[in-house]
PDB file of N, CA and C in Angstrom:
ATOM      1  N   UNK A   1       0.932  -1.170  -0.065  1.00  0.00           N
ATOM      2  CA  UNK A   1      -0.078  -0.017  -0.179  1.00  0.00           C
ATOM      3  C   UNK A   1       0.798   1.316  -0.127  1.00  0.00           C
ATOM      4  N   UNK A   2       0.472   2.278  -0.464  1.00  0.00           N
ATOM      5  CA  UNK A   2       1.398   3.518  -0.631  1.00  0.00           C
ATOM      6  C   UNK A   2       0.954   4.436   0.518  1.00  0.00           C
ATOM      7  N   UNK A   3       1.741   5.235   0.713  1.00  0.00           N
ATOM      8  CA  UNK A   3       1.611   6.137   1.709  1.00  0.00           C
ATOM      9  C   UNK A   3       0.329   7.474   1.547  1.00  0.00           C
ATOM     10  N   UNK A   4      -0.413   7.753   2.563  1.00  0.00           N
ATOM     11  CA  UNK A   4      -1.404   8.420   2.076  1.00  0.00           C
ATOM     12  C   UNK A   4      -1.236   9.897   2.364  1.00  0.00           C
ATOM     13  N   UNK A   5       0.050  10.175   2.634  1.00  0.00           N
ATOM     14  CA  UNK A   5       0.554  11.753   2.901  1.00  0.00           C
ATOM     15  C   UNK A   5       0.761  12.478   1.758  1.00  0.00           C
ATOM     16  N   UNK A   6       0.835  13.647   1.825  1.00  0.00           N
ATOM     17  CA  UNK A   6       1.285  14.464   0.406  1.00  0.00           C
ATOM     18  C   UNK A   6       2.738  15.241   1.099  1.00  0.00           C
ATOM     19  N   UNK A   7       3.342  15.597  -0.057  1.00  0.00           N
ATOM     20  CA  UNK A   7       4.436  16.374   0.226  1.00  0.00           C
ATOM     21  C   UNK A   7       4.418  17.547  -0.919  1.00  0.00           C
ATOM     22  N   UNK A   8       5.203  18.658  -0.452  1.00  0.00           N
ATOM     23  CA  UNK A   8       5.009  19.953  -1.474  1.00  0.00           C
ATOM     24  C   UNK A   8       5.722  19.459  -2.878  1.00  0.00           C
ATOM     25  N   UNK A   9       5.316  20.044  -3.756  1.00  0.00           N
ATOM     26  CA  UNK A   9       5.596  19.803  -5.112  1.00  0.00           C
ATOM     27  C   UNK A   9       6.885  20.529  -5.451  1.00  0.00           C
ATOM     28  N   UNK A  10       7.632  19.805  -6.335  1.00  0.00           N
ATOM     29  CA  UNK A  10       8.953  20.174  -6.681  1.00  0.00           C
ATOM     30  C   UNK A  10       8.845  21.094  -7.859  1.00  0.00           C
ATOM     31  N   UNK A  11       7.737  21.050  -8.656  1.00  0.00           N
ATOM     32  CA  UNK A  11       7.426  21.864  -9.745  1.00  0.00           C
ATOM     33  C   UNK A  11       6.803  23.255  -9.415  1.00  0.00           C
ATOM     34  N   UNK A  12       5.941  23.061  -8.279  1.00  0.00           N
ATOM     35  CA  UNK A  12       5.162  24.625  -8.077  1.00  0.00           C
ATOM     36  C   UNK A  12       5.060  24.460  -6.430  1.00  0.00           C
ATOM     37  N   UNK A  13       5.367  25.855  -6.233  1.00  0.00           N
ATOM     38  CA  UNK A  13       5.631  26.134  -4.626  1.00  0.00           C
ATOM     39  C   UNK A  13       4.203  25.999  -3.987  1.00  0.00           C
ATOM     40  N   UNK A  14       2.984  26.165  -4.614  1.00  0.00           N
ATOM     41  CA  UNK A  14       1.854  26.160  -3.962  1.00  0.00           C
ATOM     42  C   UNK A  14       0.921  24.945  -4.120  1.00  0.00           C
ATOM     43  N   UNK A  15       1.734  23.918  -4.647  1.00  0.00           N
ATOM     44  CA  UNK A  15       0.967  22.619  -4.877  1.00  0.00           C
ATOM     45  C   UNK A  15       1.414  21.377  -4.121  1.00  0.00           C
ATOM     46  N   UNK A  16       0.836  20.462  -3.905  1.00  0.00           N
ATOM     47  CA  UNK A  16       1.173  19.344  -3.421  1.00  0.00           C
ATOM     48  C   UNK A  16       0.971  17.879  -4.103  1.00  0.00           C
ATOM     49  N   UNK A  17       1.884  17.207  -3.818  1.00  0.00           N
ATOM     50  CA  UNK A  17       1.749  15.865  -4.688  1.00  0.00           C
ATOM     51  C   UNK A  17       1.532  14.628  -3.560  1.00  0.00           C
ATOM     52  N   UNK A  18       0.993  13.419  -4.053  1.00  0.00           N
ATOM     53  CA  UNK A  18       1.098  12.404  -3.284  1.00  0.00           C
ATOM     54  C   UNK A  18       2.330  11.745  -2.878  1.00  0.00           C
ATOM     55  N   UNK A  19       2.380  11.250  -1.883  1.00  0.00           N
ATOM     56  CA  UNK A  19       3.707  10.771  -1.440  1.00  0.00           C
ATOM     57  C   UNK A  19       3.786   9.301  -2.262  1.00  0.00           C
ATOM     58  N   UNK A  20       4.987   9.128  -2.729  1.00  0.00           N
ATOM     59  CA  UNK A  20       5.209   7.727  -3.819  1.00  0.00           C
ATOM     60  C   UNK A  20       5.849   6.586  -2.988  1.00  0.00           C
ATOM     61  N   UNK A  21       6.087   6.935  -1.687  1.00  0.00           N
ATOM     62  CA  UNK A  21       6.775   5.713  -1.066  1.00  0.00           C
ATOM     63  C   UNK A  21       5.530   4.736  -0.491  1.00  0.00           C
ATOM     64  N   UNK A  22       6.286   3.504  -0.196  1.00  0.00           N
ATOM     65  CA  UNK A  22       5.241   2.482   0.360  1.00  0.00           C
ATOM     66  C   UNK A  22       5.101   2.673   1.787  1.00  0.00           C
ATOM     67  N   UNK A  23       3.815   2.375   2.406  1.00  0.00           N
ATOM     68  CA  UNK A  23       3.722   2.722   3.878  1.00  0.00           C
ATOM     69  C   UNK A  23       4.372   1.478   4.592  1.00  0.00           C
ATOM     70  N   UNK A  24       4.549   1.924   6.044  1.00  0.00           N
ATOM     71  CA  UNK A  24       5.301   0.930   6.699  1.00  0.00           C
ATOM     72  C   UNK A  24       4.000  -0.250   7.297  1.00  0.00           C
ATOM     73  N   UNK A  25       4.597  -1.165   7.728  1.00  0.00           N
ATOM     74  CA  UNK A  25       3.613  -2.348   8.454  1.00  0.00           C
ATOM     75  C   UNK A  25       2.823  -1.698   9.469  1.00  0.00           C
ATOM     76  N   UNK A  26       1.543  -2.056   9.053  1.00  0.00           N
ATOM     77  CA  UNK A  26       0.548  -1.792  10.466  1.00  0.00           C
ATOM     78  C   UNK A  26       0.239  -0.263  10.456  1.00  0.00           C
ATOM     79  N   UNK A  27       0.695   0.600   9.257  1.00  0.00           N
ATOM     80  CA  UNK A  27       0.189   1.767   9.252  1.00  0.00           C
ATOM     81  C   UNK A  27       0.177   2.381   7.876  1.00  0.00           C
ATOM     82  N   UNK A  28      -0.524   3.620   7.690  1.00  0.00           N
ATOM     83  CA  UNK A  28      -0.799   3.955   6.394  1.00  0.00           C
ATOM     84  C   UNK A  28       0.111   5.124   5.730  1.00  0.00           C
ATOM     85  N   UNK A  29       1.426   5.470   6.616  1.00  0.00           N
ATOM     86  CA  UNK A  29       2.202   6.229   6.346  1.00  0.00           C
ATOM     87  C   UNK A  29       3.603   5.825   5.777  1.00  0.00           C
ATOM     88  N   UNK A  30       4.368   6.275   5.104  1.00  0.00           N
ATOM     89  CA  UNK A  30       5.942   5.895   4.835  1.00  0.00           C
ATOM     90  C   UNK A  30       6.690   6.112   6.172  1.00  0.00           C
ATOM     91  N   UNK A  31       7.765   5.845   6.397  1.00  0.00           N
ATOM     92  CA  UNK A  31       8.840   5.675   7.596  1.00  0.00           C
ATOM     93  C   UNK A  31       8.903   7.266   7.628  1.00  0.00           C
ATOM     94  N   UNK A  32       9.198   8.114   6.763  1.00  0.00           N
ATOM     95  CA  UNK A  32       9.359   9.356   6.667  1.00  0.00           C
ATOM     96  C   UNK A  32       8.103  10.060   7.311  1.00  0.00           C
ATOM     97  N   UNK A  33       7.131   9.989   6.951  1.00  0.00           N
ATOM     98  CA  UNK A  33       5.784  10.703   7.449  1.00  0.00           C
ATOM     99  C   UNK A  33       5.540  10.257   8.412  1.00  0.00           C
ATOM    100  N   UNK A  34       5.640   9.002   9.019  1.00  0.00           N
ATOM    101  CA  UNK A  34       5.298   8.529  10.243  1.00  0.00           C
ATOM    102  C   UNK A  34       6.031   9.264  11.374  1.00  0.00           C
ATOM    103  N   UNK A  35       7.439   9.335  11.005  1.00  0.00           N
ATOM    104  CA  UNK A  35       8.450  10.042  11.935  1.00  0.00           C
ATOM    105  C   UNK A  35       8.239  11.190  12.199  1.00  0.00           C
ATOM    106  N   UNK A  36       7.740  12.192  11.034  1.00  0.00           N
ATOM    107  CA  UNK A  36       7.364  13.414  11.172  1.00  0.00           C
ATOM    108  C   UNK A  36       5.998  13.751  12.024  1.00  0.00           C
ATOM    109  N   UNK A  37       5.034  12.702  11.807  1.00  0.00           N
ATOM    110  CA  UNK A  37       3.853  13.121  12.418  1.00  0.00           C
ATOM    111  C   UNK A  37       4.075  12.618  13.839  1.00  0.00           C
ATOM    112  N   UNK A  38       4.713  11.520  14.485  1.00  0.00           N
ATOM    113  CA  UNK A  38       5.429  11.078  15.680  1.00  0.00           C
ATOM    114  C   UNK A  38       5.874  12.613  16.383  1.00  0.00           C
ATOM    115  N   UNK A  39       6.622  13.107  15.637  1.00  0.00           N
ATOM    116  CA  UNK A  39       7.470  14.295  16.002  1.00  0.00           C
ATOM    117  C   UNK A  39       6.527  15.520  16.603  1.00  0.00           C
ATOM    118  N   UNK A  40       5.488  15.931  15.586  1.00  0.00           N
ATOM    119  CA  UNK A  40       4.428  16.741  15.804  1.00  0.00           C
ATOM    120  C   UNK A  40       3.780  16.421  16.886  1.00  0.00           C
ATOM    121  N   UNK A  41       3.267  15.385  17.069  1.00  0.00           N
ATOM    122  CA  UNK A  41       2.502  14.786  18.552  1.00  0.00           C
ATOM    123  C   UNK A  41       3.162  14.874  19.481  1.00  0.00           C
ATOM    124  N   UNK A  42       4.437  14.369  19.698  1.00  0.00           N
ATOM    125  CA  UNK A  42       5.329  14.586  21.056  1.00  0.00           C
ATOM    126  C   UNK A  42       5.409  15.892  21.194  1.00  0.00           C
ATOM    127  N   UNK A  43       5.873  16.760  20.188  1.00  0.00           N
ATOM    128  CA  UNK A  43       5.995  18.270  20.324  1.00  0.00           C
ATOM    129  C   UNK A  43       4.599  19.007  21.092  1.00  0.00           C
ATOM    130  N   UNK A  44       3.268  18.535  20.674  1.00  0.00           N
ATOM    131  CA  UNK A  44       2.038  18.902  21.117  1.00  0.00           C
ATOM    132  C   UNK A  44       2.033  18.696  22.661  1.00  0.00           C
ATOM    133  N   UNK A  45       2.458  17.307  22.901  1.00  0.00           N
ATOM    134  CA  UNK A  45       2.200  16.686  24.252  1.00  0.00           C
ATOM    135  C   UNK A  45       3.178  17.175  24.968  1.00  0.00           C
ATOM    136  N   UNK A  46       4.413  17.593  24.825  1.00  0.00           N
ATOM    137  CA  UNK A  46       5.388  18.173  25.580  1.00  0.00           C
ATOM    138  C   UNK A  46       4.957  19.499  26.168  1.00  0.00           C
ATOM    139  N   UNK A  47       4.673  20.281  24.948  1.00  0.00           N
ATOM    140  CA  UNK A  47       4.038  21.866  25.162  1.00  0.00           C
ATOM    141  C   UNK A  47       3.188  21.823  25.778  1.00  0.00           C
ATOM    142  N   UNK A  48       2.071  20.778  26.284  1.00  0.00           N
ATOM    143  CA  UNK A  48       0.882  20.886  26.965  1.00  0.00           C
ATOM    144  C   UNK A  48      -0.131  21.601  26.001  1.00  0.00           C
ATOM    145  N   UNK A  49      -0.104  21.175  24.999  1.00  0.00           N
ATOM    146  CA  UNK A  49      -1.047  21.889  23.983  1.00  0.00           C
ATOM    147  C   UNK A  49      -2.514  21.902  24.223  1.00  0.00           C
ATOM    148  N   UNK A  50      -2.918  20.870  24.554  1.00  0.00           N
ATOM    149  CA  UNK A  50      -4.581  20.951  24.952  1.00  0.00           C
ATOM    150  C   UNK A  50      -5.021  21.523  26.023  1.00  0.00           C
ATOM    151  N   UNK A  51      -4.255  21.418  26.918  1.00  0.00           N
ATOM    152  CA  UNK A  51      -4.323  22.216  28.177  1.00  0.00           C
ATOM    153  C   UNK A  51      -4.221  23.774  28.038  1.00  0.00           C
ATOM    154  N   UNK A  52      -2.974  23.993  27.436  1.00  0.00           N
ATOM    155  CA  UNK A  52      -2.705  25.571  27.246  1.00  0.00           C
ATOM    156  C   UNK A  52      -3.663  26.164  26.292  1.00  0.00           C
ATOM    157  N   UNK A  53      -4.074  25.585  25.159  1.00  0.00           N
ATOM    158  CA  UNK A  53      -5.061  26.093  24.359  1.00  0.00           C
ATOM    159  C   UNK A  53      -6.353  26.112  24.970  1.00  0.00           C
ATOM    160  N   UNK A  54      -6.810  25.505  25.879  1.00  0.00           N
ATOM    161  CA  UNK A  54      -8.023  25.613  26.716  1.00  0.00           C
ATOM    162  C   UNK A  54      -8.028  27.203  27.563  1.00  0.00           C
ATOM    163  N   UNK A  55      -6.872  27.209  28.102  1.00  0.00           N
ATOM    164  CA  UNK A  55      -6.369  28.117  28.827  1.00  0.00           C
ATOM    165  C   UNK A  55      -6.530  29.787  28.203  1.00  0.00           C
ATOM    166  N   UNK A  56      -5.701  29.438  27.114  1.00  0.00           N
ATOM    167  CA  UNK A  56      -5.982  30.790  25.702  1.00  0.00           C
ATOM    168  C   UNK A  56      -7.527  31.145  25.475  1.00  0.00           C
ATOM    169  N   UNK A  57      -8.189  30.199  25.321  1.00  0.00           N
ATOM    170  CA  UNK A  57      -9.316  30.438  25.044  1.00  0.00           C
ATOM    171  C   UNK A  57     -10.079  31.040  26.224  1.00  0.00           C
ATOM    172  N   UNK A  58      -9.969  30.619  27.146  1.00  0.00           N
ATOM    173  CA  UNK A  58     -10.686  31.159  28.406  1.00  0.00           C
ATOM    174  C   UNK A  58     -10.204  32.567  28.675  1.00  0.00           C
ATOM    175  N   UNK A  59      -9.056  32.787  28.593  1.00  0.00           N
ATOM    176  CA  UNK A  59      -8.354  34.175  28.528  1.00  0.00           C
ATOM    177  C   UNK A  59      -8.641  35.020  27.732  1.00  0.00           C
ATOM    178  N   UNK A  60      -8.990  34.809  26.459  1.00  0.00           N
ATOM    179  CA  UNK A  60      -9.622  35.509  25.443  1.00  0.00           C
ATOM    180  C   UNK A  60     -11.048  35.846  25.862  1.00  0.00           C
ATOM    181  N   UNK A  61     -11.867  35.037  26.155  1.00  0.00           N
ATOM    182  CA  UNK A  61     -13.365  35.136  26.457  1.00  0.00           C
ATOM    183  C   UNK A  61     -13.216  36.218  27.591  1.00  0.00           C
ATOM    184  N   UNK A  62     -12.298  36.267  28.641  1.00  0.00           N
ATOM    185  CA  UNK A  62     -12.737  37.185  29.709  1.00  0.00           C
ATOM    186  C   UNK A  62     -12.124  38.445  29.278  1.00  0.00           C
ATOM    187  N   UNK A  63     -11.253  38.831  28.319  1.00  0.00           N
ATOM    188  CA  UNK A  63     -10.828  39.991  27.842  1.00  0.00           C
ATOM    189  C   UNK A  63      -9.666  40.356  28.253  1.00  0.00           C
ATOM    190  N   UNK A  64      -9.130  41.460  27.627  1.00  0.00           N
ATOM    191  CA  UNK A  64      -7.962  42.018  28.196  1.00  0.00           C
ATOM    192  C   UNK A  64      -7.612  41.865  29.624  1.00  0.00           C
ATOM    193  N   UNK A  65      -6.461  41.748  30.364  1.00  0.00           N
ATOM    194  CA  UNK A  65      -6.171  41.884  31.694  1.00  0.00           C
ATOM    195  C   UNK A  65      -6.275  43.444  32.091  1.00  0.00           C
ATOM    196  N   UNK A  66      -7.200  43.811  33.129  1.00  0.00           N
ATOM    197  CA  UNK A  66      -6.844  44.951  33.506  1.00  0.00           C
ATOM    198  C   UNK A  66      -8.077  45.859  32.983  1.00  0.00           C
ATOM    199  N   UNK A  67      -8.543  45.418  31.857  1.00  0.00           N
ATOM    200  CA  UNK A  67      -9.861  46.178  31.540  1.00  0.00           C
ATOM    201  C   UNK A  67     -11.052  46.213  32.163  1.00  0.00           C
ATOM    202  N   UNK A  68     -11.730  47.214  32.312  1.00  0.00           N
ATOM    203  CA  UNK A  68     -12.890  47.475  32.874  1.00  0.00           C
ATOM    204  C   UNK A  68     -14.134  47.003  32.297  1.00  0.00           C
ATOM    205  N   UNK A  69     -14.772  46.205  32.721  1.00  0.00           N
ATOM    206  CA  UNK A  69     -16.130  45.538  31.906  1.00  0.00           C
ATOM    207  C   UNK A  69     -17.456  45.985  32.816  1.00  0.00           C
ATOM    208  N   UNK A  70     -18.171  46.780  32.010  1.00  0.00           N
ATOM    209  CA  UNK A  70     -19.431  47.080  32.626  1.00  0.00           C
ATOM    210  C   UNK A  70     -20.180  46.312  33.530  1.00  0.00           C
TER     211      UNK A  70
END
């Protein structure tokens, strides 16, 4: 089976092309894309993305700090 990921096109800066590599066993991604996805996921987890994003949204709803609300 082929990898389901896409990569930037070599011909056009604004286009993407399907990855032509074979997928790894028990996954739909080639080794390169699987490592990239694992790296992104690890980075999000280490950075506390879900929790920090919720805190940012709550802060945005409450308005700028120090502002007077009627």
